[in-house]
Amino acid sequence: MLSKSIRKSIVAFSCVLALGTSTSVMATAHTEVSASAIQIQSYGNVGPVLFYTGSVCSNQHLNLDPIADVDTQKLLWAAVLSAKATGSKVGFDYDFNADNCIIRSFSVNPN
């Protein structure tokens, strides 16, 4: 009888722990910022990093997914630079976990 209640307690604790872990792994957020505030940089073979985007990460930075293809990287560069040239805003949907903010989608929005 005692071993059955211990098993139930362990299973219940494992379920609570799994639920807590799964909800804290990644959260999704949205930000929209004037393109003139964004600083975009690329470090060698690494995709572009955007700073001052209003994200919850340090320096308000955003990164593309490490598996993003070169065309997506070029599209991000083009979107941010064209938004800067036209004075538009850029919108980002991103996932974050601690200080890791990964862009899932982006768009150029008119003023």
PDB file of N, CA and C in Angstrom:
ATOM      1  N   MET A   1       0.810  -1.190   0.000  1.00  0.00           N
ATOM      2  CA  MET A   1       0.000   0.000   0.000  1.00  0.00           C
ATOM      3  C   MET A   1       0.853   1.254   0.000  1.00  0.00           C
ATOM      4  N   LEU A   2       1.910   1.219   0.812  1.00  0.00           N
ATOM      5  CA  LEU A   2       2.794   2.367   0.901  1.00  0.00           C
ATOM      6  C   LEU A   2       3.535   2.599  -0.414  1.00  0.00           C
ATOM      7  N   SER A   3       3.970   1.523  -1.059  1.00  0.00           N
ATOM      8  CA  SER A   3       4.687   1.674  -2.324  1.00  0.00           C
ATOM      9  C   SER A   3       3.777   2.215  -3.422  1.00  0.00           C
ATOM     10  N   LYS A   4       2.483   1.892  -3.358  1.00  0.00           N
ATOM     11  CA  LYS A   4       1.534   2.402  -4.347  1.00  0.00           C
ATOM     12  C   LYS A   4       1.352   3.910  -4.196  1.00  0.00           C
ATOM     13  N   SER A   5       1.271   4.405  -2.973  1.00  0.00           N
ATOM     14  CA  SER A   5       1.119   5.843  -2.759  1.00  0.00           C
ATOM     15  C   SER A   5       2.412   6.585  -3.109  1.00  0.00           C
ATOM     16  N   ILE A   6       3.549   5.959  -2.880  1.00  0.00           N
ATOM     17  CA  ILE A   6       4.829   6.572  -3.269  1.00  0.00           C
ATOM     18  C   ILE A   6       4.912   6.671  -4.785  1.00  0.00           C
ATOM     19  N   ARG A   7       4.501   5.600  -5.479  1.00  0.00           N
ATOM     20  CA  ARG A   7       4.493   5.634  -6.936  1.00  0.00           C
ATOM     21  C   ARG A   7       3.577   6.735  -7.466  1.00  0.00           C
ATOM     22  N   LYS A   8       2.388   6.852  -6.878  1.00  0.00           N
ATOM     23  CA  LYS A   8       1.460   7.895  -7.292  1.00  0.00           C
ATOM     24  C   LYS A   8       2.051   9.281  -7.058  1.00  0.00           C
ATOM     25  N   SER A   9       2.733   9.450  -5.949  1.00  0.00           N
ATOM     26  CA  SER A   9       3.364  10.738  -5.651  1.00  0.00           C
ATOM     27  C   SER A   9       4.466  11.061  -6.651  1.00  0.00           C
ATOM     28  N   ILE A  10       5.253  10.075  -7.001  1.00  0.00           N
ATOM     29  CA  ILE A  10       6.339  10.277  -7.966  1.00  0.00           C
ATOM     30  C   ILE A  10       5.774  10.609  -9.340  1.00  0.00           C
ATOM     31  N   VAL A  11       4.729   9.891  -9.750  1.00  0.00           N
ATOM     32  CA  VAL A  11       4.108  10.159 -11.045  1.00  0.00           C
ATOM     33  C   VAL A  11       3.503  11.557 -11.062  1.00  0.00           C
ATOM     34  N   ALA A  12       2.817  11.946  -9.995  1.00  0.00           N
ATOM     35  CA  ALA A  12       2.217  13.284  -9.924  1.00  0.00           C
ATOM     36  C   ALA A  12       3.297  14.365  -9.971  1.00  0.00           C
ATOM     37  N   PHE A  13       4.379  14.160  -9.231  1.00  0.00           N
ATOM     38  CA  PHE A  13       5.481  15.126  -9.239  1.00  0.00           C
ATOM     39  C   PHE A  13       6.106  15.228 -10.633  1.00  0.00           C
ATOM     40  N   SER A  14       6.277  14.092 -11.304  1.00  0.00           N
ATOM     41  CA  SER A  14       6.850  14.089 -12.655  1.00  0.00           C
ATOM     42  C   SER A  14       5.960  14.847 -13.630  1.00  0.00           C
ATOM     43  N   CYS A  15       4.644  14.677 -13.506  1.00  0.00           N
ATOM     44  CA  CYS A  15       3.709  15.389 -14.390  1.00  0.00           C
ATOM     45  C   CYS A  15       3.785  16.890 -14.163  1.00  0.00           C
ATOM     46  N   VAL A  16       3.810  17.305 -12.909  1.00  0.00           N
ATOM     47  CA  VAL A  16       3.911  18.739 -12.598  1.00  0.00           C
ATOM     48  C   VAL A  16       5.229  19.295 -13.117  1.00  0.00           C
ATOM     49  N   LEU A  17       6.300  18.574 -12.921  1.00  0.00           N
ATOM     50  CA  LEU A  17       7.609  19.006 -13.402  1.00  0.00           C
ATOM     51  C   LEU A  17       7.633  19.105 -14.921  1.00  0.00           C
ATOM     52  N   ALA A  18       7.056  18.132 -15.610  1.00  0.00           N
ATOM     53  CA  ALA A  18       7.018  18.155 -17.080  1.00  0.00           C
ATOM     54  C   ALA A  18       6.188  19.314 -17.587  1.00  0.00           C
ATOM     55  N   LEU A  19       5.062  19.594 -16.963  1.00  0.00           N
ATOM     56  CA  LEU A  19       4.232  20.727 -17.379  1.00  0.00           C
ATOM     57  C   LEU A  19       4.962  22.043 -17.174  1.00  0.00           C
ATOM     58  N   GLY A  20       5.640  22.178 -16.049  1.00  0.00           N
ATOM     59  CA  GLY A  20       6.395  23.407 -15.789  1.00  0.00           C
ATOM     60  C   GLY A  20       7.534  23.596 -16.767  1.00  0.00           C
ATOM     61  N   THR A  21       8.198  22.520 -17.125  1.00  0.00           N
ATOM     62  CA  THR A  21       9.301  22.596 -18.072  1.00  0.00           C
ATOM     63  C   THR A  21       8.811  22.933 -19.465  1.00  0.00           C
ATOM     64  N   SER A  22       7.721  22.324 -19.894  1.00  0.00           N
ATOM     65  CA  SER A  22       7.257  22.537 -21.260  1.00  0.00           C
ATOM     66  C   SER A  22       6.758  23.957 -21.474  1.00  0.00           C
ATOM     67  N   THR A  23       6.186  24.586 -20.447  1.00  0.00           N
ATOM     68  CA  THR A  23       5.703  25.956 -20.631  1.00  0.00           C
ATOM     69  C   THR A  23       6.815  26.969 -20.526  1.00  0.00           C
ATOM     70  N   SER A  24       7.918  26.620 -19.868  1.00  0.00           N
ATOM     71  CA  SER A  24       8.985  27.599 -19.719  1.00  0.00           C
ATOM     72  C   SER A  24      10.057  27.468 -20.788  1.00  0.00           C
ATOM     73  N   VAL A  25       9.964  26.476 -21.651  1.00  0.00           N
ATOM     74  CA  VAL A  25      10.994  26.266 -22.658  1.00  0.00           C
ATOM     75  C   VAL A  25      11.036  27.438 -23.630  1.00  0.00           C
ATOM     76  N   MET A  26       9.953  27.747 -24.263  1.00  0.00           N
ATOM     77  CA  MET A  26       9.902  28.859 -25.207  1.00  0.00           C
ATOM     78  C   MET A  26       8.587  29.593 -25.048  1.00  0.00           C
ATOM     79  N   ALA A  27       8.657  30.881 -25.122  1.00  0.00           N
ATOM     80  CA  ALA A  27       7.461  31.715 -25.125  1.00  0.00           C
ATOM     81  C   ALA A  27       7.510  32.546 -26.400  1.00  0.00           C
ATOM     82  N   THR A  28       6.366  32.933 -26.909  1.00  0.00           N
ATOM     83  CA  THR A  28       6.305  33.707 -28.140  1.00  0.00           C
ATOM     84  C   THR A  28       5.886  35.137 -27.821  1.00  0.00           C
ATOM     85  N   ALA A  29       6.495  36.079 -28.517  1.00  0.00           N
ATOM     86  CA  ALA A  29       6.176  37.491 -28.321  1.00  0.00           C
ATOM     87  C   ALA A  29       6.162  38.194 -29.669  1.00  0.00           C
ATOM     88  N   HIS A  30       5.639  39.388 -29.674  1.00  0.00           N
ATOM     89  CA  HIS A  30       5.593  40.216 -30.880  1.00  0.00           C
ATOM     90  C   HIS A  30       6.128  41.599 -30.521  1.00  0.00           C
ATOM     91  N   THR A  31       6.867  42.172 -31.428  1.00  0.00           N
ATOM     92  CA  THR A  31       7.333  43.543 -31.255  1.00  0.00           C
ATOM     93  C   THR A  31       7.284  44.251 -32.595  1.00  0.00           C
ATOM     94  N   GLU A  32       7.050  45.535 -32.549  1.00  0.00           N
ATOM     95  CA  GLU A  32       7.059  46.363 -33.751  1.00  0.00           C
ATOM     96  C   GLU A  32       7.894  47.593 -33.418  1.00  0.00           C
ATOM     97  N   VAL A  33       8.880  47.866 -34.243  1.00  0.00           N
ATOM     98  CA  VAL A  33       9.821  48.940 -33.938  1.00  0.00           C
ATOM     99  C   VAL A  33      10.162  49.712 -35.209  1.00  0.00           C
ATOM    100  N   SER A  34      10.460  50.967 -35.038  1.00  0.00           N
ATOM    101  CA  SER A  34      10.910  51.776 -36.165  1.00  0.00           C
ATOM    102  C   SER A  34      12.243  51.222 -36.663  1.00  0.00           C
ATOM    103  N   ALA A  35      12.354  51.053 -37.951  1.00  0.00           N
ATOM    104  CA  ALA A  35      13.570  50.468 -38.521  1.00  0.00           C
ATOM    105  C   ALA A  35      14.798  51.340 -38.265  1.00  0.00           C
ATOM    106  N   SER A  36      14.602  52.633 -38.094  1.00  0.00           N
ATOM    107  CA  SER A  36      15.747  53.515 -37.857  1.00  0.00           C
ATOM    108  C   SER A  36      16.437  53.214 -36.526  1.00  0.00           C
ATOM    109  N   ALA A  37      15.746  52.570 -35.599  1.00  0.00           N
ATOM    110  CA  ALA A  37      16.338  52.237 -34.301  1.00  0.00           C
ATOM    111  C   ALA A  37      17.139  50.942 -34.341  1.00  0.00           C
ATOM    112  N   ILE A  38      16.926  50.131 -35.354  1.00  0.00           N
ATOM    113  CA  ILE A  38      17.557  48.805 -35.414  1.00  0.00           C
ATOM    114  C   ILE A  38      18.990  48.905 -35.910  1.00  0.00           C
ATOM    115  N   GLN A  39      19.872  48.210 -35.209  1.00  0.00           N
ATOM    116  CA  GLN A  39      21.252  48.055 -35.658  1.00  0.00           C
ATOM    117  C   GLN A  39      21.401  46.607 -36.096  1.00  0.00           C
ATOM    118  N   ILE A  40      21.763  46.399 -37.354  1.00  0.00           N
ATOM    119  CA  ILE A  40      21.885  45.046 -37.889  1.00  0.00           C
ATOM    120  C   ILE A  40      23.351  44.735 -38.137  1.00  0.00           C
ATOM    121  N   GLN A  41      23.788  43.554 -37.675  1.00  0.00           N
ATOM    122  CA  GLN A  41      25.179  43.153 -37.832  1.00  0.00           C
ATOM    123  C   GLN A  41      25.246  41.689 -38.217  1.00  0.00           C
ATOM    124  N   SER A  42      26.328  41.341 -38.878  1.00  0.00           N
ATOM    125  CA  SER A  42      26.572  39.951 -39.230  1.00  0.00           C
ATOM    126  C   SER A  42      27.998  39.620 -38.819  1.00  0.00           C
ATOM    127  N   TYR A  43      28.173  38.466 -38.235  1.00  0.00           N
ATOM    128  CA  TYR A  43      29.486  38.065 -37.744  1.00  0.00           C
ATOM    129  C   TYR A  43      29.980  36.861 -38.530  1.00  0.00           C
ATOM    130  N   GLY A  44      30.593  37.100 -39.662  1.00  0.00           N
ATOM    131  CA  GLY A  44      31.124  36.006 -40.457  1.00  0.00           C
ATOM    132  C   GLY A  44      30.044  35.128 -41.034  1.00  0.00           C
ATOM    133  N   ASN A  45      30.114  33.834 -40.760  1.00  0.00           N
ATOM    134  CA  ASN A  45      29.147  32.879 -41.303  1.00  0.00           C
ATOM    135  C   ASN A  45      27.851  32.807 -40.507  1.00  0.00           C
ATOM    136  N   VAL A  46      27.775  33.550 -39.430  1.00  0.00           N
ATOM    137  CA  VAL A  46      26.571  33.558 -38.603  1.00  0.00           C
ATOM    138  C   VAL A  46      25.555  34.506 -39.226  1.00  0.00           C
ATOM    139  N   GLY A  47      24.272  34.149 -39.137  1.00  0.00           N
ATOM    140  CA  GLY A  47      23.209  34.992 -39.680  1.00  0.00           C
ATOM    141  C   GLY A  47      23.181  36.364 -39.015  1.00  0.00           C
ATOM    142  N   PRO A  48      22.432  37.284 -39.575  1.00  0.00           N
ATOM    143  CA  PRO A  48      22.376  38.638 -39.037  1.00  0.00           C
ATOM    144  C   PRO A  48      21.795  38.673 -37.616  1.00  0.00           C
ATOM    145  N   VAL A  49      22.325  39.582 -36.814  1.00  0.00           N
ATOM    146  CA  VAL A  49      21.830  39.828 -35.465  1.00  0.00           C
ATOM    147  C   VAL A  49      21.281  41.243 -35.441  1.00  0.00           C
ATOM    148  N   LEU A  50      20.070  41.411 -34.926  1.00  0.00           N
ATOM    149  CA  LEU A  50      19.438  42.721 -34.860  1.00  0.00           C
ATOM    150  C   LEU A  50      19.432  43.197 -33.411  1.00  0.00           C
ATOM    151  N   PHE A  51      19.923  44.406 -33.183  1.00  0.00           N
ATOM    152  CA  PHE A  51      19.940  44.991 -31.849  1.00  0.00           C
ATOM    153  C   PHE A  51      18.934  46.128 -31.774  1.00  0.00           C
ATOM    154  N   TYR A  52      18.491  46.426 -30.545  1.00  0.00           N
ATOM    155  CA  TYR A  52      17.566  47.528 -30.253  1.00  0.00           C
ATOM    156  C   TYR A  52      16.219  47.352 -30.958  1.00  0.00           C
ATOM    157  N   THR A  53      15.691  46.133 -30.880  1.00  0.00           N
ATOM    158  CA  THR A  53      14.420  45.818 -31.537  1.00  0.00           C
ATOM    159  C   THR A  53      13.240  45.869 -30.580  1.00  0.00           C
ATOM    160  N   GLY A  54      13.502  46.093 -29.315  1.00  0.00           N
ATOM    161  CA  GLY A  54      12.427  46.095 -28.341  1.00  0.00           C
ATOM    162  C   GLY A  54      12.114  44.711 -27.793  1.00  0.00           C
ATOM    163  N   SER A  55      12.959  43.724 -28.071  1.00  0.00           N
ATOM    164  CA  SER A  55      12.718  42.370 -27.561  1.00  0.00           C
ATOM    165  C   SER A  55      13.068  42.309 -26.071  1.00  0.00           C
ATOM    166  N   VAL A  56      12.728  41.196 -25.445  1.00  0.00           N
ATOM    167  CA  VAL A  56      12.977  41.025 -24.019  1.00  0.00           C
ATOM    168  C   VAL A  56      14.405  40.582 -23.723  1.00  0.00           C
ATOM    169  N   CYS A  57      15.196  40.291 -24.735  1.00  0.00           N
ATOM    170  CA  CYS A  57      16.575  39.846 -24.539  1.00  0.00           C
ATOM    171  C   CYS A  57      17.502  41.036 -24.250  1.00  0.00           C
ATOM    172  N   SER A  58      18.696  40.732 -23.751  1.00  0.00           N
ATOM    173  CA  SER A  58      19.658  41.797 -23.464  1.00  0.00           C
ATOM    174  C   SER A  58      19.985  42.561 -24.747  1.00  0.00           C
ATOM    175  N   ASN A  59      20.196  43.843 -24.624  1.00  0.00           N
ATOM    176  CA  ASN A  59      20.423  44.735 -25.769  1.00  0.00           C
ATOM    177  C   ASN A  59      19.288  44.657 -26.772  1.00  0.00           C
ATOM    178  N   GLN A  60      18.172  44.101 -26.346  1.00  0.00           N
ATOM    179  CA  GLN A  60      16.986  43.965 -27.189  1.00  0.00           C
ATOM    180  C   GLN A  60      17.336  43.318 -28.528  1.00  0.00           C
ATOM    181  N   HIS A  61      18.154  42.273 -28.496  1.00  0.00           N
ATOM    182  CA  HIS A  61      18.617  41.633 -29.734  1.00  0.00           C
ATOM    183  C   HIS A  61      17.686  40.509 -30.180  1.00  0.00           C
ATOM    184  N   LEU A  62      17.728  40.238 -31.470  1.00  0.00           N
ATOM    185  CA  LEU A  62      17.008  39.129 -32.095  1.00  0.00           C
ATOM    186  C   LEU A  62      17.958  38.417 -33.045  1.00  0.00           C
ATOM    187  N   ASN A  63      17.843  37.101 -33.121  1.00  0.00           N
ATOM    188  CA  ASN A  63      18.635  36.301 -34.053  1.00  0.00           C
ATOM    189  C   ASN A  63      17.691  35.489 -34.916  1.00  0.00           C
ATOM    190  N   LEU A  64      18.149  35.167 -36.110  1.00  0.00           N
ATOM    191  CA  LEU A  64      17.425  34.188 -36.922  1.00  0.00           C
ATOM    192  C   LEU A  64      17.715  32.803 -36.377  1.00  0.00           C
ATOM    193  N   ASP A  65      16.854  31.871 -36.700  1.00  0.00           N
ATOM    194  CA  ASP A  65      17.076  30.486 -36.334  1.00  0.00           C
ATOM    195  C   ASP A  65      18.398  30.039 -36.958  1.00  0.00           C
ATOM    196  N   PRO A  66      19.237  29.346 -36.203  1.00  0.00           N
ATOM    197  CA  PRO A  66      20.534  28.917 -36.761  1.00  0.00           C
ATOM    198  C   PRO A  66      20.410  28.074 -38.034  1.00  0.00           C
ATOM    199  N   ILE A  67      19.272  27.439 -38.252  1.00  0.00           N
ATOM    200  CA  ILE A  67      19.109  26.630 -39.464  1.00  0.00           C
ATOM    201  C   ILE A  67      18.472  27.416 -40.613  1.00  0.00           C
ATOM    202  N   ALA A  68      18.289  28.733 -40.426  1.00  0.00           N
ATOM    203  CA  ALA A  68      17.704  29.554 -41.490  1.00  0.00           C
ATOM    204  C   ALA A  68      18.632  29.544 -42.705  1.00  0.00           C
ATOM    205  N   ASP A  69      18.030  29.408 -43.890  1.00  0.00           N
ATOM    206  CA  ASP A  69      18.844  29.357 -45.102  1.00  0.00           C
ATOM    207  C   ASP A  69      19.330  30.760 -45.492  1.00  0.00           C
ATOM    208  N   VAL A  70      20.233  30.805 -46.433  1.00  0.00           N
ATOM    209  CA  VAL A  70      20.844  32.059 -46.868  1.00  0.00           C
ATOM    210  C   VAL A  70      19.795  33.008 -47.459  1.00  0.00           C
ATOM    211  N   ASP A  71      18.807  32.472 -48.164  1.00  0.00           N
ATOM    212  CA  ASP A  71      17.764  33.318 -48.745  1.00  0.00           C
ATOM    213  C   ASP A  71      16.967  34.050 -47.663  1.00  0.00           C
ATOM    214  N   THR A  72      16.683  33.379 -46.554  1.00  0.00           N
ATOM    215  CA  THR A  72      15.967  34.019 -45.455  1.00  0.00           C
ATOM    216  C   THR A  72      16.828  35.104 -44.817  1.00  0.00           C
ATOM    217  N   GLN A  73      18.123  34.855 -44.694  1.00  0.00           N
ATOM    218  CA  GLN A  73      19.038  35.867 -44.155  1.00  0.00           C
ATOM    219  C   GLN A  73      19.063  37.099 -45.055  1.00  0.00           C
ATOM    220  N   LYS A  74      19.137  36.877 -46.360  1.00  0.00           N
ATOM    221  CA  LYS A  74      19.143  37.995 -47.308  1.00  0.00           C
ATOM    222  C   LYS A  74      17.819  38.755 -47.275  1.00  0.00           C
ATOM    223  N   LEU A  75      16.726  38.028 -47.132  1.00  0.00           N
ATOM    224  CA  LEU A  75      15.417  38.660 -47.059  1.00  0.00           C
ATOM    225  C   LEU A  75      15.295  39.534 -45.815  1.00  0.00           C
ATOM    226  N   LEU A  76      15.840  39.083 -44.698  1.00  0.00           N
ATOM    227  CA  LEU A  76      15.828  39.891 -43.478  1.00  0.00           C
ATOM    228  C   LEU A  76      16.635  41.171 -43.665  1.00  0.00           C
ATOM    229  N   TRP A  77      17.843  41.031 -44.229  1.00  0.00           N
ATOM    230  CA  TRP A  77      18.655  42.216 -44.523  1.00  0.00           C
ATOM    231  C   TRP A  77      17.876  43.193 -45.406  1.00  0.00           C
ATOM    232  N   ALA A  78      17.291  42.686 -46.483  1.00  0.00           N
ATOM    233  CA  ALA A  78      16.564  43.537 -47.422  1.00  0.00           C
ATOM    234  C   ALA A  78      15.365  44.209 -46.756  1.00  0.00           C
ATOM    235  N   ALA A  79      14.644  43.460 -45.930  1.00  0.00           N
ATOM    236  CA  ALA A  79      13.471  44.023 -45.258  1.00  0.00           C
ATOM    237  C   ALA A  79      13.862  45.154 -44.313  1.00  0.00           C
ATOM    238  N   VAL A  80      14.882  44.944 -43.518  1.00  0.00           N
ATOM    239  CA  VAL A  80      15.300  45.976 -42.561  1.00  0.00           C
ATOM    240  C   VAL A  80      15.863  47.192 -43.295  1.00  0.00           C
ATOM    241  N   LEU A  81      16.696  46.980 -44.303  1.00  0.00           N
ATOM    242  CA  LEU A  81      17.282  48.116 -45.024  1.00  0.00           C
ATOM    243  C   LEU A  81      16.237  48.892 -45.818  1.00  0.00           C
ATOM    244  N   SER A  82      15.268  48.206 -46.411  1.00  0.00           N
ATOM    245  CA  SER A  82      14.221  48.933 -47.138  1.00  0.00           C
ATOM    246  C   SER A  82      13.318  49.686 -46.171  1.00  0.00           C
ATOM    247  N   ALA A  83      13.061  49.121 -45.002  1.00  0.00           N
ATOM    248  CA  ALA A  83      12.270  49.828 -43.995  1.00  0.00           C
ATOM    249  C   ALA A  83      13.010  51.059 -43.486  1.00  0.00           C
ATOM    250  N   LYS A  84      14.323  50.952 -43.345  1.00  0.00           N
ATOM    251  CA  LYS A  84      15.118  52.121 -42.952  1.00  0.00           C
ATOM    252  C   LYS A  84      15.028  53.213 -44.013  1.00  0.00           C
ATOM    253  N   ALA A  85      15.109  52.824 -45.282  1.00  0.00           N
ATOM    254  CA  ALA A  85      15.091  53.793 -46.383  1.00  0.00           C
ATOM    255  C   ALA A  85      13.736  54.488 -46.510  1.00  0.00           C
ATOM    256  N   THR A  86      12.657  53.796 -46.175  1.00  0.00           N
ATOM    257  CA  THR A  86      11.320  54.378 -46.328  1.00  0.00           C
ATOM    258  C   THR A  86      10.746  54.916 -45.029  1.00  0.00           C
ATOM    259  N   GLY A  87      11.483  54.779 -43.930  1.00  0.00           N
ATOM    260  CA  GLY A  87      10.998  55.266 -42.646  1.00  0.00           C
ATOM    261  C   GLY A  87       9.873  54.423 -42.079  1.00  0.00           C
ATOM    262  N   SER A  88       9.845  53.145 -42.419  1.00  0.00           N
ATOM    263  CA  SER A  88       8.784  52.247 -41.978  1.00  0.00           C
ATOM    264  C   SER A  88       9.148  51.544 -40.673  1.00  0.00           C
ATOM    265  N   LYS A  89       8.201  50.776 -40.174  1.00  0.00           N
ATOM    266  CA  LYS A  89       8.426  49.959 -38.990  1.00  0.00           C
ATOM    267  C   LYS A  89       8.591  48.501 -39.418  1.00  0.00           C
ATOM    268  N   VAL A  90       9.268  47.742 -38.563  1.00  0.00           N
ATOM    269  CA  VAL A  90       9.454  46.319 -38.804  1.00  0.00           C
ATOM    270  C   VAL A  90       8.794  45.570 -37.650  1.00  0.00           C
ATOM    271  N   GLY A  91       8.000  44.569 -37.980  1.00  0.00           N
ATOM    272  CA  GLY A  91       7.356  43.741 -36.968  1.00  0.00           C
ATOM    273  C   GLY A  91       8.022  42.381 -36.897  1.00  0.00           C
ATOM    274  N   PHE A  92       8.171  41.873 -35.686  1.00  0.00           N
ATOM    275  CA  PHE A  92       8.806  40.575 -35.469  1.00  0.00           C
ATOM    276  C   PHE A  92       7.943  39.725 -34.558  1.00  0.00           C
ATOM    277  N   ASP A  93       7.764  38.471 -34.922  1.00  0.00           N
ATOM    278  CA  ASP A  93       7.256  37.455 -34.011  1.00  0.00           C
ATOM    279  C   ASP A  93       8.462  36.606 -33.664  1.00  0.00           C
ATOM    280  N   TYR A  94       8.706  36.423 -32.370  1.00  0.00           N
ATOM    281  CA  TYR A  94       9.901  35.687 -31.972  1.00  0.00           C
ATOM    282  C   TYR A  94       9.612  34.827 -30.751  1.00  0.00           C
ATOM    283  N   ASP A  95      10.406  33.774 -30.629  1.00  0.00           N
ATOM    284  CA  ASP A  95      10.369  32.898 -29.464  1.00  0.00           C
ATOM    285  C   ASP A  95      11.532  33.281 -28.567  1.00  0.00           C
ATOM    286  N   PHE A  96      11.299  33.223 -27.251  1.00  0.00           N
ATOM    287  CA  PHE A  96      12.399  33.536 -26.353  1.00  0.00           C
ATOM    288  C   PHE A  96      12.442  32.565 -25.191  1.00  0.00           C
ATOM    289  N   ASN A  97      13.656  32.333 -24.749  1.00  0.00           N
ATOM    290  CA  ASN A  97      13.938  31.514 -23.579  1.00  0.00           C
ATOM    291  C   ASN A  97      15.199  32.091 -22.970  1.00  0.00           C
ATOM    292  N   ALA A  98      15.077  32.652 -21.792  1.00  0.00           N
ATOM    293  CA  ALA A  98      16.189  33.329 -21.121  1.00  0.00           C
ATOM    294  C   ALA A  98      16.694  34.454 -22.025  1.00  0.00           C
ATOM    295  N   ASP A  99      17.935  34.377 -22.471  1.00  0.00           N
ATOM    296  CA  ASP A  99      18.494  35.442 -23.314  1.00  0.00           C
ATOM    297  C   ASP A  99      18.679  34.954 -24.749  1.00  0.00           C
ATOM    298  N   ASN A 100      17.794  34.104 -25.194  1.00  0.00           N
ATOM    299  CA  ASN A 100      17.853  33.550 -26.543  1.00  0.00           C
ATOM    300  C   ASN A 100      16.552  33.919 -27.259  1.00  0.00           C
ATOM    301  N   CYS A 101      16.621  34.891 -28.162  1.00  0.00           N
ATOM    302  CA  CYS A 101      15.438  35.358 -28.890  1.00  0.00           C
ATOM    303  C   CYS A 101      15.588  34.998 -30.367  1.00  0.00           C
ATOM    304  N   ILE A 102      14.711  34.139 -30.866  1.00  0.00           N
ATOM    305  CA  ILE A 102      14.797  33.614 -32.225  1.00  0.00           C
ATOM    306  C   ILE A 102      13.619  34.135 -33.049  1.00  0.00           C
ATOM    307  N   ILE A 103      13.924  34.786 -34.157  1.00  0.00           N
ATOM    308  CA  ILE A 103      12.899  35.331 -35.043  1.00  0.00           C
ATOM    309  C   ILE A 103      12.176  34.178 -35.738  1.00  0.00           C
ATOM    310  N   ARG A 104      10.853  34.194 -35.681  1.00  0.00           N
ATOM    311  CA  ARG A 104      10.037  33.212 -36.391  1.00  0.00           C
ATOM    312  C   ARG A 104       9.433  33.816 -37.653  1.00  0.00           C
ATOM    313  N   SER A 105       9.068  35.093 -37.612  1.00  0.00           N
ATOM    314  CA  SER A 105       8.559  35.779 -38.801  1.00  0.00           C
ATOM    315  C   SER A 105       8.809  37.264 -38.641  1.00  0.00           C
ATOM    316  N   PHE A 106       8.864  37.963 -39.780  1.00  0.00           N
ATOM    317  CA  PHE A 106       9.088  39.410 -39.744  1.00  0.00           C
ATOM    318  C   PHE A 106       8.342  40.037 -40.916  1.00  0.00           C
ATOM    319  N   SER A 107       8.049  41.328 -40.763  1.00  0.00           N
ATOM    320  CA  SER A 107       7.327  42.034 -41.815  1.00  0.00           C
ATOM    321  C   SER A 107       7.679  43.519 -41.764  1.00  0.00           C
ATOM    322  N   VAL A 108       7.548  44.174 -42.893  1.00  0.00           N
ATOM    323  CA  VAL A 108       7.716  45.625 -42.972  1.00  0.00           C
ATOM    324  C   VAL A 108       6.326  46.230 -42.960  1.00  0.00           C
ATOM    325  N   ASN A 109       6.086  47.120 -42.019  1.00  0.00           N
ATOM    326  CA  ASN A 109       4.781  47.726 -41.842  1.00  0.00           C
ATOM    327  C   ASN A 109       4.857  49.212 -42.172  1.00  0.00           C
ATOM    328  N   PRO A 110       3.868  49.736 -42.901  1.00  0.00           N
ATOM    329  CA  PRO A 110       3.879  51.161 -43.202  1.00  0.00           C
ATOM    330  C   PRO A 110       3.706  51.980 -41.936  1.00  0.00           C
ATOM    331  N   ASN A 111       4.068  53.233 -42.022  1.00  0.00           N
ATOM    332  CA  ASN A 111       3.972  54.120 -40.852  1.00  0.00           C
ATOM    333  C   ASN A 111       2.626  54.120 -40.273  1.00  0.00           C
TER     334      ASN A 111
END
